[in-house]
Amino acid sequence: MATSCEEQVEDQRAQVEHLKGSLRKLEQKLSEARERSELLLAQHRRARALRKTSAARATVSSRSHGATLRNLQDRVTRSQAVDAALADLVGDGIEDRLAALEEQETVERLLEEIKARRRPS
């Protein structure tokens, strides 16, 4: 009976050692699975962040190109309008002044002619 008890104790020690080894292996696998899970979550977050930044960059880029082109077109149009207005003011102003001077000279000459005709000679 003592030998059978000793055999049982030895068998149980062997089983305990085997179970301890199995537990260590399971804990190691669990740790590896957690690390892999964390790595996959980090990769997923990174991919999602990259997708969001790319979408934002594309939106800003398309807006900025469109806005830049509109601003440039507005500047060109405004500049052309200002140039045309200045040309009208300066060009018409000089032409109008010359025409007014000529009319004034013509009016003065006609007045002198009328005055000369009315004068008794």
PDB file of N, CA and C in Angstrom:
ATOM      1  N   MET A   1       0.792  -1.158   0.000  1.00  0.00           N
ATOM      2  CA  MET A   1       0.000   0.000   0.000  1.00  0.00           C
ATOM      3  C   MET A   1       0.855   1.249   0.000  1.00  0.00           C
ATOM      4  N   ALA A   2       1.958   1.204   0.697  1.00  0.00           N
ATOM      5  CA  ALA A   2       2.873   2.333   0.736  1.00  0.00           C
ATOM      6  C   ALA A   2       3.453   2.570  -0.633  1.00  0.00           C
ATOM      7  N   THR A   3       3.778   1.506  -1.344  1.00  0.00           N
ATOM      8  CA  THR A   3       4.326   1.687  -2.679  1.00  0.00           C
ATOM      9  C   THR A   3       3.271   2.207  -3.632  1.00  0.00           C
ATOM     10  N   SER A   4       2.051   1.786  -3.478  1.00  0.00           N
ATOM     11  CA  SER A   4       0.999   2.273  -4.361  1.00  0.00           C
ATOM     12  C   SER A   4       0.714   3.744  -4.083  1.00  0.00           C
ATOM     13  N   CYS A   5       0.794   4.122  -2.806  1.00  0.00           N
ATOM     14  CA  CYS A   5       0.616   5.543  -2.463  1.00  0.00           C
ATOM     15  C   CYS A   5       1.765   6.359  -3.024  1.00  0.00           C
ATOM     16  N   GLU A   6       2.955   5.828  -2.927  1.00  0.00           N
ATOM     17  CA  GLU A   6       4.119   6.525  -3.464  1.00  0.00           C
ATOM     18  C   GLU A   6       4.013   6.654  -4.984  1.00  0.00           C
ATOM     19  N   GLU A   7       3.524   5.622  -5.625  1.00  0.00           N
ATOM     20  CA  GLU A   7       3.340   5.660  -7.073  1.00  0.00           C
ATOM     21  C   GLU A   7       2.279   6.702  -7.452  1.00  0.00           C
ATOM     22  N   GLN A   8       1.223   6.730  -6.659  1.00  0.00           N
ATOM     23  CA  GLN A   8       0.173   7.711  -6.920  1.00  0.00           C
ATOM     24  C   GLN A   8       0.708   9.144  -6.745  1.00  0.00           C
ATOM     25  N   VAL A   9       1.523   9.330  -5.698  1.00  0.00           N
ATOM     26  CA  VAL A   9       2.110  10.645  -5.440  1.00  0.00           C
ATOM     27  C   VAL A   9       3.021  11.025  -6.603  1.00  0.00           C
ATOM     28  N   GLU A  10       3.817  10.095  -7.056  1.00  0.00           N
ATOM     29  CA  GLU A  10       4.713  10.348  -8.195  1.00  0.00           C
ATOM     30  C   GLU A  10       3.912  10.645  -9.451  1.00  0.00           C
ATOM     31  N   ASP A  11       2.860   9.867  -9.674  1.00  0.00           N
ATOM     32  CA  ASP A  11       2.002  10.115 -10.848  1.00  0.00           C
ATOM     33  C   ASP A  11       1.364  11.501 -10.761  1.00  0.00           C
ATOM     34  N   GLN A  12       0.901  11.843  -9.578  1.00  0.00           N
ATOM     35  CA  GLN A  12       0.273  13.148  -9.405  1.00  0.00           C
ATOM     36  C   GLN A  12       1.292  14.281  -9.571  1.00  0.00           C
ATOM     37  N   ARG A  13       2.532  14.086  -9.095  1.00  0.00           N
ATOM     38  CA  ARG A  13       3.586  15.100  -9.288  1.00  0.00           C
ATOM     39  C   ARG A  13       3.880  15.269 -10.779  1.00  0.00           C
ATOM     40  N   ALA A  14       3.925  14.160 -11.471  1.00  0.00           N
ATOM     41  CA  ALA A  14       4.181  14.222 -12.908  1.00  0.00           C
ATOM     42  C   ALA A  14       3.032  14.949 -13.602  1.00  0.00           C
ATOM     43  N   GLN A  15       1.811  14.644 -13.207  1.00  0.00           N
ATOM     44  CA  GLN A  15       0.664  15.310 -13.794  1.00  0.00           C
ATOM     45  C   GLN A  15       0.675  16.811 -13.469  1.00  0.00           C
ATOM     46  N   VAL A  16       1.053  17.146 -12.215  1.00  0.00           N
ATOM     47  CA  VAL A  16       1.138  18.560 -11.816  1.00  0.00           C
ATOM     48  C   VAL A  16       2.175  19.273 -12.666  1.00  0.00           C
ATOM     49  N   GLU A  17       3.354  18.667 -12.855  1.00  0.00           N
ATOM     50  CA  GLU A  17       4.407  19.261 -13.679  1.00  0.00           C
ATOM     51  C   GLU A  17       3.926  19.411 -15.120  1.00  0.00           C
ATOM     52  N   HIS A  18       3.259  18.382 -15.600  1.00  0.00           N
ATOM     53  CA  HIS A  18       2.727  18.445 -16.966  1.00  0.00           C
ATOM     54  C   HIS A  18       1.686  19.568 -17.078  1.00  0.00           C
ATOM     55  N   LEU A  19       0.801  19.674 -16.077  1.00  0.00           N
ATOM     56  CA  LEU A  19      -0.215  20.727 -16.082  1.00  0.00           C
ATOM     57  C   LEU A  19       0.421  22.110 -15.963  1.00  0.00           C
ATOM     58  N   LYS A  20       1.473  22.224 -15.144  1.00  0.00           N
ATOM     59  CA  LYS A  20       2.181  23.503 -15.015  1.00  0.00           C
ATOM     60  C   LYS A  20       2.804  23.900 -16.351  1.00  0.00           C
ATOM     61  N   GLY A  21       3.422  22.952 -17.018  1.00  0.00           N
ATOM     62  CA  GLY A  21       4.009  23.211 -18.334  1.00  0.00           C
ATOM     63  C   GLY A  21       2.938  23.629 -19.339  1.00  0.00           C
ATOM     64  N   SER A  22       1.817  22.930 -19.311  1.00  0.00           N
ATOM     65  CA  SER A  22       0.717  23.267 -20.213  1.00  0.00           C
ATOM     66  C   SER A  22       0.177  24.669 -19.896  1.00  0.00           C
ATOM     67  N   LEU A  23       0.086  24.979 -18.611  1.00  0.00           N
ATOM     68  CA  LEU A  23      -0.382  26.305 -18.206  1.00  0.00           C
ATOM     69  C   LEU A  23       0.565  27.393 -18.707  1.00  0.00           C
ATOM     70  N   ARG A  24       1.881  27.170 -18.581  1.00  0.00           N
ATOM     71  CA  ARG A  24       2.864  28.143 -19.079  1.00  0.00           C
ATOM     72  C   ARG A  24       2.713  28.340 -20.584  1.00  0.00           C
ATOM     73  N   LYS A  25       2.536  27.227 -21.320  1.00  0.00           N
ATOM     74  CA  LYS A  25       2.361  27.315 -22.768  1.00  0.00           C
ATOM     75  C   LYS A  25       1.084  28.094 -23.110  1.00  0.00           C
ATOM     76  N   LEU A  26       0.016  27.829 -22.399  1.00  0.00           N
ATOM     77  CA  LEU A  26      -1.238  28.543 -22.638  1.00  0.00           C
ATOM     78  C   LEU A  26      -1.104  30.032 -22.315  1.00  0.00           C
ATOM     79  N   GLU A  27      -0.425  30.340 -21.203  1.00  0.00           N
ATOM     80  CA  GLU A  27      -0.207  31.740 -20.849  1.00  0.00           C
ATOM     81  C   GLU A  27       0.641  32.445 -21.904  1.00  0.00           C
ATOM     82  N   GLN A  28       1.642  31.736 -22.427  1.00  0.00           N
ATOM     83  CA  GLN A  28       2.485  32.303 -23.473  1.00  0.00           C
ATOM     84  C   GLN A  28       1.658  32.542 -24.749  1.00  0.00           C
ATOM     85  N   LYS A  29       0.835  31.552 -25.122  1.00  0.00           N
ATOM     86  CA  LYS A  29      -0.020  31.720 -26.299  1.00  0.00           C
ATOM     87  C   LYS A  29      -1.009  32.865 -26.109  1.00  0.00           C
ATOM     88  N   LEU A  30      -1.574  32.983 -24.897  1.00  0.00           N
ATOM     89  CA  LEU A  30      -2.495  34.068 -24.602  1.00  0.00           C
ATOM     90  C   LEU A  30      -1.792  35.420 -24.707  1.00  0.00           C
ATOM     91  N   SER A  31      -0.595  35.491 -24.179  1.00  0.00           N
ATOM     92  CA  SER A  31       0.197  36.723 -24.259  1.00  0.00           C
ATOM     93  C   SER A  31       0.489  37.080 -25.719  1.00  0.00           C
ATOM     94  N   GLU A  32       0.878  36.083 -26.514  1.00  0.00           N
ATOM     95  CA  GLU A  32       1.145  36.318 -27.934  1.00  0.00           C
ATOM     96  C   GLU A  32      -0.128  36.769 -28.653  1.00  0.00           C
ATOM     97  N   ALA A  33      -1.256  36.159 -28.302  1.00  0.00           N
ATOM     98  CA  ALA A  33      -2.528  36.529 -28.927  1.00  0.00           C
ATOM     99  C   ALA A  33      -2.903  37.974 -28.565  1.00  0.00           C
ATOM    100  N   ARG A  34      -2.682  38.370 -27.315  1.00  0.00           N
ATOM    101  CA  ARG A  34      -2.957  39.744 -26.903  1.00  0.00           C
ATOM    102  C   ARG A  34      -2.052  40.731 -27.637  1.00  0.00           C
ATOM    103  N   GLU A  35      -0.758  40.382 -27.734  1.00  0.00           N
ATOM    104  CA  GLU A  35       0.177  41.251 -28.451  1.00  0.00           C
ATOM    105  C   GLU A  35      -0.228  41.393 -29.917  1.00  0.00           C
ATOM    106  N   ARG A  36      -0.604  40.272 -30.523  1.00  0.00           N
ATOM    107  CA  ARG A  36      -1.029  40.291 -31.935  1.00  0.00           C
ATOM    108  C   ARG A  36      -2.304  41.115 -32.093  1.00  0.00           C
ATOM    109  N   SER A  37      -3.217  40.957 -31.129  1.00  0.00           N
ATOM    110  CA  SER A  37      -4.462  41.721 -31.158  1.00  0.00           C
ATOM    111  C   SER A  37      -4.164  43.218 -31.038  1.00  0.00           C
ATOM    112  N   GLU A  38      -3.291  43.603 -30.124  1.00  0.00           N
ATOM    113  CA  GLU A  38      -2.914  45.014 -29.961  1.00  0.00           C
ATOM    114  C   GLU A  38      -2.247  45.554 -31.226  1.00  0.00           C
ATOM    115  N   LEU A  39      -1.399  44.731 -31.838  1.00  0.00           N
ATOM    116  CA  LEU A  39      -0.740  45.133 -33.074  1.00  0.00           C
ATOM    117  C   LEU A  39      -1.758  45.343 -34.189  1.00  0.00           C
ATOM    118  N   LEU A  40      -2.706  44.417 -34.311  1.00  0.00           N
ATOM    119  CA  LEU A  40      -3.738  44.559 -35.332  1.00  0.00           C
ATOM    120  C   LEU A  40      -4.615  45.784 -35.089  1.00  0.00           C
ATOM    121  N   LEU A  41      -4.956  46.043 -33.824  1.00  0.00           N
ATOM    122  CA  LEU A  41      -5.739  47.235 -33.506  1.00  0.00           C
ATOM    123  C   LEU A  41      -4.965  48.509 -33.848  1.00  0.00           C
ATOM    124  N   ALA A  42      -3.674  48.519 -33.532  1.00  0.00           N
ATOM    125  CA  ALA A  42      -2.848  49.688 -33.860  1.00  0.00           C
ATOM    126  C   ALA A  42      -2.764  49.890 -35.366  1.00  0.00           C
ATOM    127  N   GLN A  43      -2.614  48.804 -36.115  1.00  0.00           N
ATOM    128  CA  GLN A  43      -2.566  48.908 -37.574  1.00  0.00           C
ATOM    129  C   GLN A  43      -3.901  49.412 -38.124  1.00  0.00           C
ATOM    130  N   HIS A  44      -4.992  48.925 -37.551  1.00  0.00           N
ATOM    131  CA  HIS A  44      -6.312  49.367 -37.990  1.00  0.00           C
ATOM    132  C   HIS A  44      -6.502  50.859 -37.713  1.00  0.00           C
ATOM    133  N   ARG A  45      -6.122  51.297 -36.517  1.00  0.00           N
ATOM    134  CA  ARG A  45      -6.236  52.725 -36.176  1.00  0.00           C
ATOM    135  C   ARG A  45      -5.383  53.576 -37.100  1.00  0.00           C
ATOM    136  N   ARG A  46      -4.185  53.105 -37.387  1.00  0.00           N
ATOM    137  CA  ARG A  46      -3.286  53.849 -38.276  1.00  0.00           C
ATOM    138  C   ARG A  46      -3.884  53.948 -39.674  1.00  0.00           C
ATOM    139  N   ALA A  47      -4.409  52.846 -40.180  1.00  0.00           N
ATOM    140  CA  ALA A  47      -5.022  52.847 -41.514  1.00  0.00           C
ATOM    141  C   ALA A  47      -6.221  53.787 -41.558  1.00  0.00           C
ATOM    142  N   ARG A  48      -7.027  53.759 -40.504  1.00  0.00           N
ATOM    143  CA  ARG A  48      -8.194  54.636 -40.449  1.00  0.00           C
ATOM    144  C   ARG A  48      -7.765  56.101 -40.383  1.00  0.00           C
ATOM    145  N   ALA A  49      -6.737  56.394 -39.583  1.00  0.00           N
ATOM    146  CA  ALA A  49      -6.235  57.768 -39.487  1.00  0.00           C
ATOM    147  C   ALA A  49      -5.667  58.229 -40.823  1.00  0.00           C
ATOM    148  N   LEU A  50      -4.926  57.352 -41.492  1.00  0.00           N
ATOM    149  CA  LEU A  50      -4.387  57.708 -42.808  1.00  0.00           C
ATOM    150  C   LEU A  50      -5.499  57.972 -43.815  1.00  0.00           C
ATOM    151  N   ARG A  51      -6.540  57.166 -43.775  1.00  0.00           N
ATOM    152  CA  ARG A  51      -7.669  57.350 -44.687  1.00  0.00           C
ATOM    153  C   ARG A  51      -8.343  58.696 -44.422  1.00  0.00           C
ATOM    154  N   LYS A  52      -8.533  59.026 -43.142  1.00  0.00           N
ATOM    155  CA  LYS A  52      -9.167  60.302 -42.805  1.00  0.00           C
ATOM    156  C   LYS A  52      -8.294  61.479 -43.230  1.00  0.00           C
ATOM    157  N   THR A  53      -6.985  61.391 -42.985  1.00  0.00           N
ATOM    158  CA  THR A  53      -6.110  62.494 -43.380  1.00  0.00           C
ATOM    159  C   THR A  53      -6.033  62.623 -44.885  1.00  0.00           C
ATOM    160  N   SER A  54      -6.034  61.507 -45.582  1.00  0.00           N
ATOM    161  CA  SER A  54      -6.019  61.567 -47.050  1.00  0.00           C
ATOM    162  C   SER A  54      -7.292  62.208 -47.575  1.00  0.00           C
ATOM    163  N   ALA A  55      -8.410  61.834 -46.999  1.00  0.00           N
ATOM    164  CA  ALA A  55      -9.681  62.419 -47.426  1.00  0.00           C
ATOM    165  C   ALA A  55      -9.714  63.913 -47.122  1.00  0.00           C
ATOM    166  N   ALA A  56      -9.232  64.278 -45.938  1.00  0.00           N
ATOM    167  CA  ALA A  56      -9.202  65.699 -45.580  1.00  0.00           C
ATOM    168  C   ALA A  56      -8.262  66.467 -46.491  1.00  0.00           C
ATOM    169  N   ARG A  57      -7.106  65.882 -46.763  1.00  0.00           N
ATOM    170  CA  ARG A  57      -6.132  66.532 -47.642  1.00  0.00           C
ATOM    171  C   ARG A  57      -6.701  66.698 -49.047  1.00  0.00           C
ATOM    172  N   ALA A  58      -7.404  65.687 -49.527  1.00  0.00           N
ATOM    173  CA  ALA A  58      -8.007  65.772 -50.862  1.00  0.00           C
ATOM    174  C   ALA A  58      -9.081  66.848 -50.889  1.00  0.00           C
ATOM    175  N   THR A  59      -9.876  66.930 -49.828  1.00  0.00           N
ATOM    176  CA  THR A  59     -10.921  67.946 -49.759  1.00  0.00           C
ATOM    177  C   THR A  59     -10.315  69.338 -49.728  1.00  0.00           C
ATOM    178  N   VAL A  60      -9.318  69.516 -48.873  1.00  0.00           N
ATOM    179  CA  VAL A  60      -8.661  70.816 -48.772  1.00  0.00           C
ATOM    180  C   VAL A  60      -7.954  71.151 -50.072  1.00  0.00           C
ATOM    181  N   SER A  61      -7.314  70.167 -50.656  1.00  0.00           N
ATOM    182  CA  SER A  61      -6.585  70.395 -51.895  1.00  0.00           C
ATOM    183  C   SER A  61      -7.516  70.816 -53.007  1.00  0.00           C
ATOM    184  N   SER A  62      -8.643  70.122 -53.147  1.00  0.00           N
ATOM    185  CA  SER A  62      -9.578  70.478 -54.218  1.00  0.00           C
ATOM    186  C   SER A  62     -10.205  71.834 -53.946  1.00  0.00           C
ATOM    187  N   ARG A  63     -10.497  72.122 -52.689  1.00  0.00           N
ATOM    188  CA  ARG A  63     -11.043  73.430 -52.344  1.00  0.00           C
ATOM    189  C   ARG A  63     -10.010  74.508 -52.612  1.00  0.00           C
ATOM    190  N   SER A  64      -8.789  74.250 -52.215  1.00  0.00           N
ATOM    191  CA  SER A  64      -7.780  75.284 -52.343  1.00  0.00           C
ATOM    192  C   SER A  64      -7.450  75.550 -53.799  1.00  0.00           C
ATOM    193  N   HIS A  65      -7.412  74.492 -54.642  1.00  0.00           N
ATOM    194  CA  HIS A  65      -7.148  74.723 -56.062  1.00  0.00           C
ATOM    195  C   HIS A  65      -8.296  75.502 -56.688  1.00  0.00           C
ATOM    196  N   GLY A  66      -9.514  75.108 -56.372  1.00  0.00           N
ATOM    197  CA  GLY A  66     -10.670  75.816 -56.897  1.00  0.00           C
ATOM    198  C   GLY A  66     -10.709  77.251 -56.407  1.00  0.00           C
ATOM    199  N   ALA A  67     -10.444  77.425 -55.120  1.00  0.00           N
ATOM    200  CA  ALA A  67     -10.446  78.774 -54.552  1.00  0.00           C
ATOM    201  C   ALA A  67      -9.314  79.606 -55.143  1.00  0.00           C
ATOM    202  N   THR A  68      -8.167  78.999 -55.322  1.00  0.00           N
ATOM    203  CA  THR A  68      -7.033  79.713 -55.891  1.00  0.00           C
ATOM    204  C   THR A  68      -7.339  80.157 -57.311  1.00  0.00           C
ATOM    205  N   LEU A  69      -7.929  79.257 -58.093  1.00  0.00           N
ATOM    206  CA  LEU A  69      -8.281  79.618 -59.464  1.00  0.00           C
ATOM    207  C   LEU A  69      -9.352  80.706 -59.499  1.00  0.00           C
ATOM    208  N   ARG A  70     -10.358  80.582 -58.618  1.00  0.00           N
ATOM    209  CA  ARG A  70     -11.386  81.620 -58.564  1.00  0.00           C
ATOM    210  C   ARG A  70     -10.787  82.959 -58.147  1.00  0.00           C
ATOM    211  N   ASN A  71      -9.919  82.943 -57.123  1.00  0.00           N
ATOM    212  CA  ASN A  71      -9.283  84.181 -56.680  1.00  0.00           C
ATOM    213  C   ASN A  71      -8.452  84.793 -57.791  1.00  0.00           C
ATOM    214  N   LEU A  72      -7.707  83.959 -58.495  1.00  0.00           N
ATOM    215  CA  LEU A  72      -6.879  84.449 -59.585  1.00  0.00           C
ATOM    216  C   LEU A  72      -7.749  85.036 -60.690  1.00  0.00           C
ATOM    217  N   GLN A  73      -8.824  84.343 -61.025  1.00  0.00           N
ATOM    218  CA  GLN A  73      -9.735  84.839 -62.056  1.00  0.00           C
ATOM    219  C   GLN A  73     -10.381  86.147 -61.607  1.00  0.00           C
ATOM    220  N   ASP A  74     -10.778  86.237 -60.345  1.00  0.00           N
ATOM    221  CA  ASP A  74     -11.364  87.474 -59.828  1.00  0.00           C
ATOM    222  C   ASP A  74     -10.362  88.614 -59.892  1.00  0.00           C
ATOM    223  N   ARG A  75      -9.119  88.349 -59.536  1.00  0.00           N
ATOM    224  CA  ARG A  75      -8.083  89.393 -59.596  1.00  0.00           C
ATOM    225  C   ARG A  75      -7.869  89.880 -61.016  1.00  0.00           C
ATOM    226  N   VAL A  76      -7.805  88.938 -61.955  1.00  0.00           N
ATOM    227  CA  VAL A  76      -7.595  89.316 -63.349  1.00  0.00           C
ATOM    228  C   VAL A  76      -8.776  90.147 -63.844  1.00  0.00           C
ATOM    229  N   THR A  77      -9.985  89.692 -63.551  1.00  0.00           N
ATOM    230  CA  THR A  77     -11.186  90.420 -63.977  1.00  0.00           C
ATOM    231  C   THR A  77     -11.216  91.808 -63.358  1.00  0.00           C
ATOM    232  N   ARG A  78     -10.932  91.885 -62.069  1.00  0.00           N
ATOM    233  CA  ARG A  78     -10.919  93.176 -61.375  1.00  0.00           C
ATOM    234  C   ARG A  78      -9.851  94.092 -61.960  1.00  0.00           C
ATOM    235  N   SER A  79      -8.674  93.545 -62.218  1.00  0.00           N
ATOM    236  CA  SER A  79      -7.592  94.337 -62.793  1.00  0.00           C
ATOM    237  C   SER A  79      -7.963  94.851 -64.180  1.00  0.00           C
ATOM    238  N   GLN A  80      -8.580  93.991 -64.978  1.00  0.00           N
ATOM    239  CA  GLN A  80      -9.007  94.418 -66.321  1.00  0.00           C
ATOM    240  C   GLN A  80     -10.064  95.507 -66.233  1.00  0.00           C
ATOM    241  N   ALA A  81     -10.983  95.369 -65.300  1.00  0.00           N
ATOM    242  CA  ALA A  81     -12.035  96.377 -65.138  1.00  0.00           C
ATOM    243  C   ALA A  81     -11.445  97.711 -64.699  1.00  0.00           C
ATOM    244  N   VAL A  82     -10.504  97.669 -63.756  1.00  0.00           N
ATOM    245  CA  VAL A  82      -9.857  98.895 -63.283  1.00  0.00           C
ATOM    246  C   VAL A  82      -9.073  99.540 -64.422  1.00  0.00           C
ATOM    247  N   ASP A  83      -8.331  98.728 -65.183  1.00  0.00           N
ATOM    248  CA  ASP A  83      -7.576  99.261 -66.315  1.00  0.00           C
ATOM    249  C   ASP A  83      -8.494  99.898 -67.354  1.00  0.00           C
ATOM    250  N   ALA A  84      -9.607  99.228 -67.645  1.00  0.00           N
ATOM    251  CA  ALA A  84     -10.547  99.769 -68.626  1.00  0.00           C
ATOM    252  C   ALA A  84     -11.166 101.069 -68.123  1.00  0.00           C
ATOM    253  N   ALA A  85     -11.514 101.100 -66.837  1.00  0.00           N
ATOM    254  CA  ALA A  85     -12.109 102.308 -66.270  1.00  0.00           C
ATOM    255  C   ALA A  85     -11.109 103.461 -66.291  1.00  0.00           C
ATOM    256  N   LEU A  86      -9.872 103.173 -65.912  1.00  0.00           N
ATOM    257  CA  LEU A  86      -8.845 104.224 -65.949  1.00  0.00           C
ATOM    258  C   LEU A  86      -8.604 104.708 -67.366  1.00  0.00           C
ATOM    259  N   ALA A  87      -8.572 103.788 -68.304  1.00  0.00           N
ATOM    260  CA  ALA A  87      -8.372 104.176 -69.705  1.00  0.00           C
ATOM    261  C   ALA A  87      -9.533 105.039 -70.168  1.00  0.00           C
ATOM    262  N   ASP A  88     -10.759 104.673 -69.774  1.00  0.00           N
ATOM    263  CA  ASP A  88     -11.915 105.482 -70.146  1.00  0.00           C
ATOM    264  C   ASP A  88     -11.831 106.870 -69.532  1.00  0.00           C
ATOM    265  N   LEU A  89     -11.482 106.910 -68.244  1.00  0.00           N
ATOM    266  CA  LEU A  89     -11.391 108.207 -67.573  1.00  0.00           C
ATOM    267  C   LEU A  89     -10.305 109.087 -68.180  1.00  0.00           C
ATOM    268  N   VAL A  90      -9.147 108.525 -68.343  1.00  0.00           N
ATOM    269  CA  VAL A  90      -8.013 109.290 -68.864  1.00  0.00           C
ATOM    270  C   VAL A  90      -8.213 109.592 -70.337  1.00  0.00           C
ATOM    271  N   GLY A  91      -8.550 108.568 -71.120  1.00  0.00           N
ATOM    272  CA  GLY A  91      -8.711 108.756 -72.565  1.00  0.00           C
ATOM    273  C   GLY A  91      -9.871 109.676 -72.880  1.00  0.00           C
ATOM    274  N   ASP A  92     -11.026 109.409 -72.330  1.00  0.00           N
ATOM    275  CA  ASP A  92     -12.197 110.244 -72.587  1.00  0.00           C
ATOM    276  C   ASP A  92     -12.011 111.623 -71.992  1.00  0.00           C
ATOM    277  N   GLY A  93     -11.352 111.690 -70.878  1.00  0.00           N
ATOM    278  CA  GLY A  93     -11.138 112.987 -70.242  1.00  0.00           C
ATOM    279  C   GLY A  93     -10.318 113.904 -71.130  1.00  0.00           C
ATOM    280  N   ILE A  94      -9.259 113.396 -71.692  1.00  0.00           N
ATOM    281  CA  ILE A  94      -8.410 114.212 -72.557  1.00  0.00           C
ATOM    282  C   ILE A  94      -9.145 114.544 -73.845  1.00  0.00           C
ATOM    283  N   GLU A  95      -9.778 113.514 -74.435  1.00  0.00           N
ATOM    284  CA  GLU A  95     -10.525 113.758 -75.672  1.00  0.00           C
ATOM    285  C   GLU A  95     -11.669 114.735 -75.429  1.00  0.00           C
ATOM    286  N   ASP A  96     -12.377 114.549 -74.314  1.00  0.00           N
ATOM    287  CA  ASP A  96     -13.469 115.460 -73.984  1.00  0.00           C
ATOM    288  C   ASP A  96     -12.945 116.872 -73.751  1.00  0.00           C
ATOM    289  N   ARG A  97     -11.828 116.981 -73.082  1.00  0.00           N
ATOM    290  CA  ARG A  97     -11.245 118.312 -72.823  1.00  0.00           C
ATOM    291  C   ARG A  97     -10.837 118.993 -74.127  1.00  0.00           C
ATOM    292  N   LEU A  98     -10.201 118.230 -75.009  1.00  0.00           N
ATOM    293  CA  LEU A  98      -9.804 118.811 -76.295  1.00  0.00           C
ATOM    294  C   LEU A  98     -11.026 119.223 -77.103  1.00  0.00           C
ATOM    295  N   ALA A  99     -12.040 118.360 -77.100  1.00  0.00           N
ATOM    296  CA  ALA A  99     -13.268 118.695 -77.826  1.00  0.00           C
ATOM    297  C   ALA A  99     -13.922 119.926 -77.217  1.00  0.00           C
ATOM    298  N   ALA A 100     -13.947 120.019 -75.896  1.00  0.00           N
ATOM    299  CA  ALA A 100     -14.538 121.174 -75.220  1.00  0.00           C
ATOM    300  C   ALA A 100     -13.746 122.437 -75.540  1.00  0.00           C
ATOM    301  N   LEU A 101     -12.409 122.337 -75.556  1.00  0.00           N
ATOM    302  CA  LEU A 101     -11.576 123.490 -75.904  1.00  0.00           C
ATOM    303  C   LEU A 101     -11.836 123.943 -77.329  1.00  0.00           C
ATOM    304  N   GLU A 102     -11.946 122.977 -78.243  1.00  0.00           N
ATOM    305  CA  GLU A 102     -12.233 123.320 -79.637  1.00  0.00           C
ATOM    306  C   GLU A 102     -13.594 123.990 -79.760  1.00  0.00           C
ATOM    307  N   GLU A 103     -14.596 123.456 -79.047  1.00  0.00           N
ATOM    308  CA  GLU A 103     -15.928 124.062 -79.082  1.00  0.00           C
ATOM    309  C   GLU A 103     -15.884 125.470 -78.506  1.00  0.00           C
ATOM    310  N   GLN A 104     -15.137 125.621 -77.421  1.00  0.00           N
ATOM    311  CA  GLN A 104     -15.035 126.940 -76.801  1.00  0.00           C
ATOM    312  C   GLN A 104     -14.354 127.931 -77.748  1.00  0.00           C
ATOM    313  N   GLU A 105     -13.294 127.474 -78.391  1.00  0.00           N
ATOM    314  CA  GLU A 105     -12.606 128.336 -79.347  1.00  0.00           C
ATOM    315  C   GLU A 105     -13.539 128.689 -80.508  1.00  0.00           C
ATOM    316  N   THR A 106     -14.296 127.710 -80.971  1.00  0.00           N
ATOM    317  CA  THR A 106     -15.243 127.949 -82.060  1.00  0.00           C
ATOM    318  C   THR A 106     -16.308 128.945 -81.629  1.00  0.00           C
ATOM    319  N   VAL A 107     -16.838 128.764 -80.436  1.00  0.00           N
ATOM    320  CA  VAL A 107     -17.854 129.672 -79.903  1.00  0.00           C
ATOM    321  C   VAL A 107     -17.275 131.078 -79.772  1.00  0.00           C
ATOM    322  N   GLU A 108     -16.066 131.193 -79.221  1.00  0.00           N
ATOM    323  CA  GLU A 108     -15.433 132.514 -79.069  1.00  0.00           C
ATOM    324  C   GLU A 108     -15.198 133.162 -80.435  1.00  0.00           C
ATOM    325  N   ARG A 109     -14.768 132.395 -81.428  1.00  0.00           N
ATOM    326  CA  ARG A 109     -14.525 132.933 -82.767  1.00  0.00           C
ATOM    327  C   ARG A 109     -15.844 133.420 -83.395  1.00  0.00           C
ATOM    328  N   LEU A 110     -16.890 132.609 -83.226  1.00  0.00           N
ATOM    329  CA  LEU A 110     -18.192 133.011 -83.747  1.00  0.00           C
ATOM    330  C   LEU A 110     -18.696 134.278 -83.064  1.00  0.00           C
ATOM    331  N   LEU A 111     -18.506 134.366 -81.771  1.00  0.00           N
ATOM    332  CA  LEU A 111     -18.905 135.567 -81.045  1.00  0.00           C
ATOM    333  C   LEU A 111     -18.157 136.788 -81.565  1.00  0.00           C
ATOM    334  N   GLU A 112     -16.876 136.618 -81.792  1.00  0.00           N
ATOM    335  CA  GLU A 112     -16.075 137.734 -82.320  1.00  0.00           C
ATOM    336  C   GLU A 112     -16.575 138.132 -83.699  1.00  0.00           C
ATOM    337  N   GLU A 113     -16.940 137.151 -84.505  1.00  0.00           N
ATOM    338  CA  GLU A 113     -17.458 137.455 -85.847  1.00  0.00           C
ATOM    339  C   GLU A 113     -18.783 138.207 -85.744  1.00  0.00           C
ATOM    340  N   ILE A 114     -19.662 137.763 -84.844  1.00  0.00           N
ATOM    341  CA  ILE A 114     -20.958 138.420 -84.671  1.00  0.00           C
ATOM    342  C   ILE A 114     -20.754 139.843 -84.159  1.00  0.00           C
ATOM    343  N   LYS A 115     -19.843 139.999 -83.200  1.00  0.00           N
ATOM    344  CA  LYS A 115     -19.554 141.324 -82.667  1.00  0.00           C
ATOM    345  C   LYS A 115     -18.984 142.227 -83.755  1.00  0.00           C
ATOM    346  N   ALA A 116     -18.141 141.642 -84.585  1.00  0.00           N
ATOM    347  CA  ALA A 116     -17.533 142.426 -85.647  1.00  0.00           C
ATOM    348  C   ALA A 116     -18.583 142.865 -86.659  1.00  0.00           C
ATOM    349  N   ARG A 117     -19.557 142.078 -86.965  1.00  0.00           N
ATOM    350  CA  ARG A 117     -20.612 142.419 -87.897  1.00  0.00           C
ATOM    351  C   ARG A 117     -21.530 143.508 -87.315  1.00  0.00           C
ATOM    352  N   ARG A 118     -21.746 143.506 -86.074  1.00  0.00           N
ATOM    353  CA  ARG A 118     -22.639 144.466 -85.451  1.00  0.00           C
ATOM    354  C   ARG A 118     -21.967 145.819 -85.280  1.00  0.00           C
ATOM    355  N   ARG A 119     -20.701 145.840 -85.256  1.00  0.00           N
ATOM    356  CA  ARG A 119     -20.013 147.118 -85.069  1.00  0.00           C
ATOM    357  C   ARG A 119     -20.224 147.987 -86.301  1.00  0.00           C
ATOM    358  N   PRO A 120     -20.504 149.188 -86.034  1.00  0.00           N
ATOM    359  CA  PRO A 120     -20.612 150.059 -87.194  1.00  0.00           C
ATOM    360  C   PRO A 120     -19.222 150.350 -87.739  1.00  0.00           C
ATOM    361  N   SER A 121     -19.105 150.256 -88.943  1.00  0.00           N
ATOM    362  CA  SER A 121     -17.830 150.562 -89.552  1.00  0.00           C
ATOM    363  C   SER A 121     -17.725 151.963 -90.039  1.00  0.00           C
TER     364      SER A 121
END
